[in-house]
Amino acid sequence: MSVFPYLIVIELLLVGLYGIATSRNTIHLVSCLFVAQSSTYLLLLSIGYLQGGTAPITDEIPGHARMVDPVVQALTLTDIVVGAAVSALLLAFALQRHKLTGTLDPRKEPPQRG
């Protein structure tokens, strides 16, 4: 097992969190959130990777073959779908907020009431 994928996961997460912390544009902020979430895809795939493993289709492989865990792959696909939905929702909120206030900078927006 290699440590390299986990180092990439940490790097992606830190780059995304830095972008979130320093962003002055809502669309940039959502993009950085997507980058930070991409690190979870790589983390899940790194956990589920099995050297020499095959797909868990038991009809076509011999009984002693090593099979990968399909739950991790399903979790990764679910993570991708949820990430895309959350990003689309946040971008829709950013667009509506831009129509109301005329700015994409969260620091320049007037305070919200209600």
N, C-alpha and C. Protein backbone atom coordinates (compact mmCIF):
# COMPACT_ATOMS: atom_id res chain seq x y z
N MET A 1 0.85 -1.18 0.00
CA MET A 1 0.00 0.00 0.00
C MET A 1 0.89 1.24 0.00
N SER A 2 0.57 2.16 -0.86
CA SER A 2 1.37 3.37 -1.01
C SER A 2 0.76 4.53 -0.24
N VAL A 3 1.61 5.43 0.19
CA VAL A 3 1.16 6.61 0.92
C VAL A 3 0.85 7.75 -0.04
N PHE A 4 1.31 7.63 -1.28
CA PHE A 4 1.18 8.71 -2.26
C PHE A 4 -0.27 9.19 -2.46
N PRO A 5 -1.26 8.31 -2.62
CA PRO A 5 -2.63 8.82 -2.78
C PRO A 5 -3.12 9.62 -1.57
N TYR A 6 -2.69 9.23 -0.39
CA TYR A 6 -3.13 9.96 0.80
C TYR A 6 -2.49 11.34 0.89
N LEU A 7 -1.26 11.45 0.39
CA LEU A 7 -0.63 12.77 0.34
C LEU A 7 -1.35 13.68 -0.66
N ILE A 8 -1.78 13.11 -1.77
CA ILE A 8 -2.55 13.89 -2.75
C ILE A 8 -3.90 14.31 -2.15
N VAL A 9 -4.51 13.42 -1.38
CA VAL A 9 -5.78 13.75 -0.72
C VAL A 9 -5.59 14.94 0.22
N ILE A 10 -4.52 14.89 1.01
CA ILE A 10 -4.26 16.00 1.94
C ILE A 10 -3.99 17.28 1.17
N GLU A 11 -3.23 17.20 0.09
CA GLU A 11 -2.93 18.39 -0.70
C GLU A 11 -4.19 18.99 -1.32
N LEU A 12 -5.03 18.14 -1.89
CA LEU A 12 -6.29 18.64 -2.48
C LEU A 12 -7.18 19.28 -1.43
N LEU A 13 -7.25 18.64 -0.26
CA LEU A 13 -8.09 19.19 0.81
C LEU A 13 -7.56 20.54 1.27
N LEU A 14 -6.26 20.65 1.43
CA LEU A 14 -5.68 21.91 1.89
C LEU A 14 -5.83 23.01 0.84
N VAL A 15 -5.66 22.67 -0.43
CA VAL A 15 -5.83 23.67 -1.49
C VAL A 15 -7.29 24.16 -1.51
N GLY A 16 -8.22 23.24 -1.38
CA GLY A 16 -9.63 23.62 -1.36
C GLY A 16 -9.99 24.46 -0.15
N LEU A 17 -9.48 24.07 1.02
CA LEU A 17 -9.78 24.85 2.23
C LEU A 17 -9.13 26.23 2.19
N TYR A 18 -7.93 26.33 1.62
CA TYR A 18 -7.29 27.64 1.48
C TYR A 18 -8.11 28.53 0.56
N GLY A 19 -8.60 27.94 -0.54
CA GLY A 19 -9.43 28.72 -1.46
C GLY A 19 -10.73 29.17 -0.81
N ILE A 20 -11.31 28.31 -0.01
CA ILE A 20 -12.55 28.68 0.68
C ILE A 20 -12.28 29.82 1.66
N ALA A 21 -11.18 29.74 2.39
CA ALA A 21 -10.88 30.74 3.41
C ALA A 21 -10.52 32.09 2.81
N THR A 22 -9.93 32.11 1.62
CA THR A 22 -9.46 33.37 1.05
C THR A 22 -10.33 33.88 -0.09
N SER A 23 -11.42 33.21 -0.40
CA SER A 23 -12.22 33.57 -1.57
C SER A 23 -13.01 34.86 -1.33
N ARG A 24 -13.04 35.69 -2.36
CA ARG A 24 -13.86 36.91 -2.32
C ARG A 24 -14.95 36.87 -3.39
N ASN A 25 -15.15 35.71 -3.96
CA ASN A 25 -16.16 35.55 -5.00
C ASN A 25 -16.91 34.26 -4.69
N THR A 26 -18.20 34.33 -4.71
CA THR A 26 -19.01 33.17 -4.33
C THR A 26 -18.82 32.00 -5.28
N ILE A 27 -18.68 32.29 -6.57
CA ILE A 27 -18.48 31.21 -7.54
C ILE A 27 -17.12 30.56 -7.32
N HIS A 28 -16.12 31.35 -7.03
CA HIS A 28 -14.80 30.80 -6.70
C HIS A 28 -14.88 29.97 -5.43
N LEU A 29 -15.66 30.42 -4.49
CA LEU A 29 -15.82 29.68 -3.23
C LEU A 29 -16.45 28.32 -3.47
N VAL A 30 -17.47 28.27 -4.32
CA VAL A 30 -18.11 26.99 -4.63
C VAL A 30 -17.14 26.08 -5.38
N SER A 31 -16.34 26.65 -6.26
CA SER A 31 -15.34 25.85 -6.98
C SER A 31 -14.31 25.27 -6.02
N CYS A 32 -13.89 26.05 -5.05
CA CYS A 32 -12.92 25.56 -4.07
C CYS A 32 -13.55 24.49 -3.19
N LEU A 33 -14.82 24.63 -2.89
CA LEU A 33 -15.52 23.59 -2.13
C LEU A 33 -15.55 22.29 -2.92
N PHE A 34 -15.74 22.40 -4.24
CA PHE A 34 -15.74 21.20 -5.08
C PHE A 34 -14.36 20.55 -5.11
N VAL A 35 -13.31 21.37 -5.12
CA VAL A 35 -11.95 20.82 -5.08
C VAL A 35 -11.71 20.09 -3.76
N ALA A 36 -12.15 20.71 -2.66
CA ALA A 36 -11.98 20.06 -1.36
C ALA A 36 -12.77 18.76 -1.30
N GLN A 37 -13.94 18.74 -1.90
CA GLN A 37 -14.74 17.52 -1.90
C GLN A 37 -14.12 16.45 -2.81
N SER A 38 -13.41 16.88 -3.84
CA SER A 38 -12.75 15.91 -4.72
C SER A 38 -11.73 15.08 -3.97
N SER A 39 -11.19 15.63 -2.90
CA SER A 39 -10.24 14.84 -2.12
C SER A 39 -10.93 13.63 -1.49
N THR A 40 -12.21 13.74 -1.19
CA THR A 40 -12.91 12.59 -0.61
C THR A 40 -13.09 11.48 -1.66
N TYR A 41 -13.24 11.85 -2.93
CA TYR A 41 -13.33 10.83 -3.98
C TYR A 41 -12.05 10.01 -4.01
N LEU A 42 -10.93 10.72 -4.01
CA LEU A 42 -9.64 10.04 -4.07
C LEU A 42 -9.39 9.22 -2.82
N LEU A 43 -9.82 9.74 -1.68
CA LEU A 43 -9.65 8.99 -0.43
C LEU A 43 -10.45 7.69 -0.47
N LEU A 44 -11.69 7.76 -0.91
CA LEU A 44 -12.52 6.55 -0.96
C LEU A 44 -11.96 5.55 -1.97
N LEU A 45 -11.51 6.05 -3.12
CA LEU A 45 -10.95 5.13 -4.11
C LEU A 45 -9.63 4.52 -3.63
N SER A 46 -8.86 5.29 -2.88
CA SER A 46 -7.61 4.75 -2.33
C SER A 46 -7.88 3.67 -1.30
N ILE A 47 -8.90 3.85 -0.51
CA ILE A 47 -9.26 2.85 0.49
C ILE A 47 -9.77 1.58 -0.19
N GLY A 48 -10.54 1.75 -1.24
CA GLY A 48 -11.15 0.59 -1.88
C GLY A 48 -10.26 -0.11 -2.89
N TYR A 49 -9.10 0.48 -3.20
CA TYR A 49 -8.23 -0.13 -4.21
C TYR A 49 -7.60 -1.41 -3.65
N LEU A 50 -7.59 -2.43 -4.46
CA LEU A 50 -6.99 -3.71 -4.08
C LEU A 50 -6.08 -4.15 -5.22
N GLN A 51 -4.79 -4.28 -4.93
CA GLN A 51 -3.81 -4.67 -5.96
C GLN A 51 -4.18 -6.04 -6.52
N GLY A 52 -4.42 -6.11 -7.81
CA GLY A 52 -4.75 -7.38 -8.45
C GLY A 52 -6.20 -7.80 -8.24
N GLY A 53 -7.02 -6.92 -7.65
CA GLY A 53 -8.42 -7.25 -7.42
C GLY A 53 -9.25 -7.18 -8.68
N THR A 54 -10.33 -7.91 -8.71
CA THR A 54 -11.22 -7.90 -9.86
C THR A 54 -12.59 -7.41 -9.42
N ALA A 55 -13.41 -7.12 -10.40
CA ALA A 55 -14.77 -6.69 -10.12
C ALA A 55 -15.54 -7.84 -9.45
N PRO A 56 -16.41 -7.54 -8.52
CA PRO A 56 -17.10 -8.61 -7.79
C PRO A 56 -18.26 -9.23 -8.57
N ILE A 57 -17.95 -9.74 -9.74
CA ILE A 57 -18.94 -10.47 -10.54
C ILE A 57 -18.55 -11.93 -10.41
N THR A 58 -19.23 -12.65 -9.57
CA THR A 58 -18.78 -13.98 -9.17
C THR A 58 -19.03 -15.05 -10.23
N ASP A 59 -19.79 -14.78 -11.25
CA ASP A 59 -20.04 -15.78 -12.29
C ASP A 59 -18.83 -16.02 -13.18
N GLU A 60 -18.00 -14.98 -13.37
CA GLU A 60 -16.94 -15.03 -14.37
C GLU A 60 -15.54 -15.24 -13.80
N ILE A 61 -15.37 -15.24 -12.49
CA ILE A 61 -14.03 -15.36 -11.93
C ILE A 61 -13.94 -16.62 -11.09
N PRO A 62 -12.70 -17.18 -10.95
CA PRO A 62 -12.56 -18.37 -10.11
C PRO A 62 -12.77 -18.04 -8.63
N GLY A 63 -12.99 -19.04 -7.85
CA GLY A 63 -13.32 -18.85 -6.45
C GLY A 63 -12.21 -18.30 -5.59
N HIS A 64 -10.95 -18.45 -5.97
CA HIS A 64 -9.84 -17.98 -5.16
C HIS A 64 -9.37 -16.58 -5.54
N ALA A 65 -10.00 -15.95 -6.51
CA ALA A 65 -9.60 -14.61 -6.96
C ALA A 65 -9.97 -13.57 -5.90
N ARG A 66 -9.15 -12.51 -5.87
CA ARG A 66 -9.41 -11.41 -4.93
C ARG A 66 -10.38 -10.43 -5.58
N MET A 67 -11.42 -10.09 -4.85
CA MET A 67 -12.42 -9.16 -5.38
C MET A 67 -12.36 -7.85 -4.59
N VAL A 68 -12.62 -6.75 -5.29
CA VAL A 68 -12.66 -5.45 -4.62
C VAL A 68 -14.01 -5.28 -3.96
N ASP A 69 -14.03 -4.41 -2.96
CA ASP A 69 -15.27 -4.14 -2.23
C ASP A 69 -16.14 -3.17 -3.04
N PRO A 70 -17.33 -3.57 -3.48
CA PRO A 70 -18.15 -2.66 -4.29
C PRO A 70 -18.80 -1.54 -3.49
N VAL A 71 -18.82 -1.66 -2.17
CA VAL A 71 -19.45 -0.61 -1.35
C VAL A 71 -18.67 0.70 -1.46
N VAL A 72 -17.37 0.60 -1.49
CA VAL A 72 -16.55 1.82 -1.57
C VAL A 72 -16.79 2.53 -2.90
N GLN A 73 -16.89 1.77 -3.96
CA GLN A 73 -17.16 2.38 -5.27
C GLN A 73 -18.55 3.01 -5.30
N ALA A 74 -19.51 2.35 -4.67
CA ALA A 74 -20.85 2.92 -4.60
C ALA A 74 -20.87 4.20 -3.78
N LEU A 75 -20.10 4.21 -2.70
CA LEU A 75 -20.01 5.43 -1.89
C LEU A 75 -19.37 6.57 -2.67
N THR A 76 -18.37 6.25 -3.48
CA THR A 76 -17.72 7.28 -4.29
C THR A 76 -18.70 7.85 -5.31
N LEU A 77 -19.44 6.99 -5.96
CA LEU A 77 -20.43 7.49 -6.93
C LEU A 77 -21.50 8.34 -6.23
N THR A 78 -21.93 7.91 -5.06
CA THR A 78 -22.90 8.70 -4.31
C THR A 78 -22.31 10.05 -3.92
N ASP A 79 -21.04 10.05 -3.53
CA ASP A 79 -20.36 11.30 -3.18
C ASP A 79 -20.29 12.24 -4.37
N ILE A 80 -20.03 11.72 -5.54
CA ILE A 80 -19.96 12.54 -6.74
C ILE A 80 -21.33 13.16 -7.06
N VAL A 81 -22.37 12.36 -6.95
CA VAL A 81 -23.71 12.86 -7.26
C VAL A 81 -24.14 13.92 -6.24
N VAL A 82 -23.89 13.65 -4.98
CA VAL A 82 -24.26 14.62 -3.94
C VAL A 82 -23.44 15.90 -4.11
N GLY A 83 -22.16 15.76 -4.44
CA GLY A 83 -21.33 16.94 -4.65
C GLY A 83 -21.80 17.78 -5.81
N ALA A 84 -22.20 17.14 -6.89
CA ALA A 84 -22.70 17.88 -8.04
C ALA A 84 -24.01 18.59 -7.70
N ALA A 85 -24.88 17.92 -6.95
CA ALA A 85 -26.16 18.54 -6.58
C ALA A 85 -25.95 19.72 -5.64
N VAL A 86 -25.05 19.57 -4.68
CA VAL A 86 -24.79 20.66 -3.74
C VAL A 86 -24.14 21.84 -4.46
N SER A 87 -23.22 21.55 -5.37
CA SER A 87 -22.58 22.64 -6.13
C SER A 87 -23.61 23.38 -6.98
N ALA A 88 -24.50 22.64 -7.63
CA ALA A 88 -25.53 23.29 -8.45
C ALA A 88 -26.45 24.15 -7.59
N LEU A 89 -26.80 23.66 -6.42
CA LEU A 89 -27.67 24.43 -5.52
C LEU A 89 -26.96 25.70 -5.03
N LEU A 90 -25.69 25.56 -4.66
CA LEU A 90 -24.95 26.74 -4.19
C LEU A 90 -24.74 27.76 -5.30
N LEU A 91 -24.51 27.29 -6.52
CA LEU A 91 -24.36 28.23 -7.64
C LEU A 91 -25.69 28.92 -7.95
N ALA A 92 -26.80 28.21 -7.80
CA ALA A 92 -28.11 28.84 -7.99
C ALA A 92 -28.36 29.91 -6.92
N PHE A 93 -27.98 29.60 -5.67
CA PHE A 93 -28.09 30.60 -4.60
C PHE A 93 -27.20 31.81 -4.88
N ALA A 94 -25.99 31.56 -5.39
CA ALA A 94 -25.08 32.66 -5.70
C ALA A 94 -25.65 33.53 -6.81
N LEU A 95 -26.26 32.92 -7.80
CA LEU A 95 -26.85 33.68 -8.90
C LEU A 95 -28.02 34.53 -8.40
N GLN A 96 -28.87 33.97 -7.56
CA GLN A 96 -29.99 34.73 -7.01
C GLN A 96 -29.50 35.86 -6.11
N ARG A 97 -28.45 35.59 -5.34
CA ARG A 97 -27.91 36.62 -4.46
C ARG A 97 -27.27 37.75 -5.28
N HIS A 98 -26.65 37.38 -6.41
CA HIS A 98 -26.08 38.40 -7.28
C HIS A 98 -27.17 39.26 -7.90
N LYS A 99 -28.30 38.67 -8.23
CA LYS A 99 -29.41 39.46 -8.78
C LYS A 99 -29.96 40.43 -7.75
N LEU A 100 -29.98 40.03 -6.48
CA LEU A 100 -30.53 40.88 -5.43
C LEU A 100 -29.57 41.99 -5.01
N THR A 101 -28.29 41.67 -4.88
CA THR A 101 -27.34 42.62 -4.32
C THR A 101 -26.40 43.23 -5.34
N GLY A 102 -26.21 42.57 -6.48
CA GLY A 102 -25.33 43.10 -7.52
C GLY A 102 -23.87 42.78 -7.29
N THR A 103 -23.54 41.94 -6.33
CA THR A 103 -22.15 41.58 -6.08
C THR A 103 -22.04 40.09 -5.78
N LEU A 104 -20.88 39.55 -6.08
CA LEU A 104 -20.61 38.15 -5.74
C LEU A 104 -19.67 38.04 -4.54
N ASP A 105 -19.23 39.19 -4.01
CA ASP A 105 -18.34 39.17 -2.85
C ASP A 105 -19.19 39.05 -1.59
N PRO A 106 -19.03 37.95 -0.84
CA PRO A 106 -19.85 37.78 0.36
C PRO A 106 -19.58 38.85 1.42
N ARG A 107 -18.41 39.48 1.37
CA ARG A 107 -18.09 40.50 2.38
C ARG A 107 -18.76 41.83 2.09
N LYS A 108 -19.12 42.06 0.82
CA LYS A 108 -19.74 43.34 0.45
C LYS A 108 -21.27 43.28 0.46
N GLU A 109 -21.82 42.13 0.67
CA GLU A 109 -23.28 42.00 0.66
C GLU A 109 -23.86 42.61 1.93
N PRO A 110 -25.02 43.22 1.80
CA PRO A 110 -25.66 43.75 3.00
C PRO A 110 -26.11 42.60 3.91
N PRO A 111 -26.22 42.85 5.19
CA PRO A 111 -26.64 41.78 6.11
C PRO A 111 -28.07 41.33 5.80
N GLN A 112 -28.29 40.06 5.99
CA GLN A 112 -29.61 39.50 5.71
C GLN A 112 -30.48 39.60 6.95
N ARG A 113 -31.75 39.81 6.71
CA ARG A 113 -32.71 39.86 7.82
C ARG A 113 -33.74 38.77 7.63
N GLY A 114 -34.29 38.37 8.72
CA GLY A 114 -35.42 37.48 8.67
C GLY A 114 -35.12 36.07 8.68
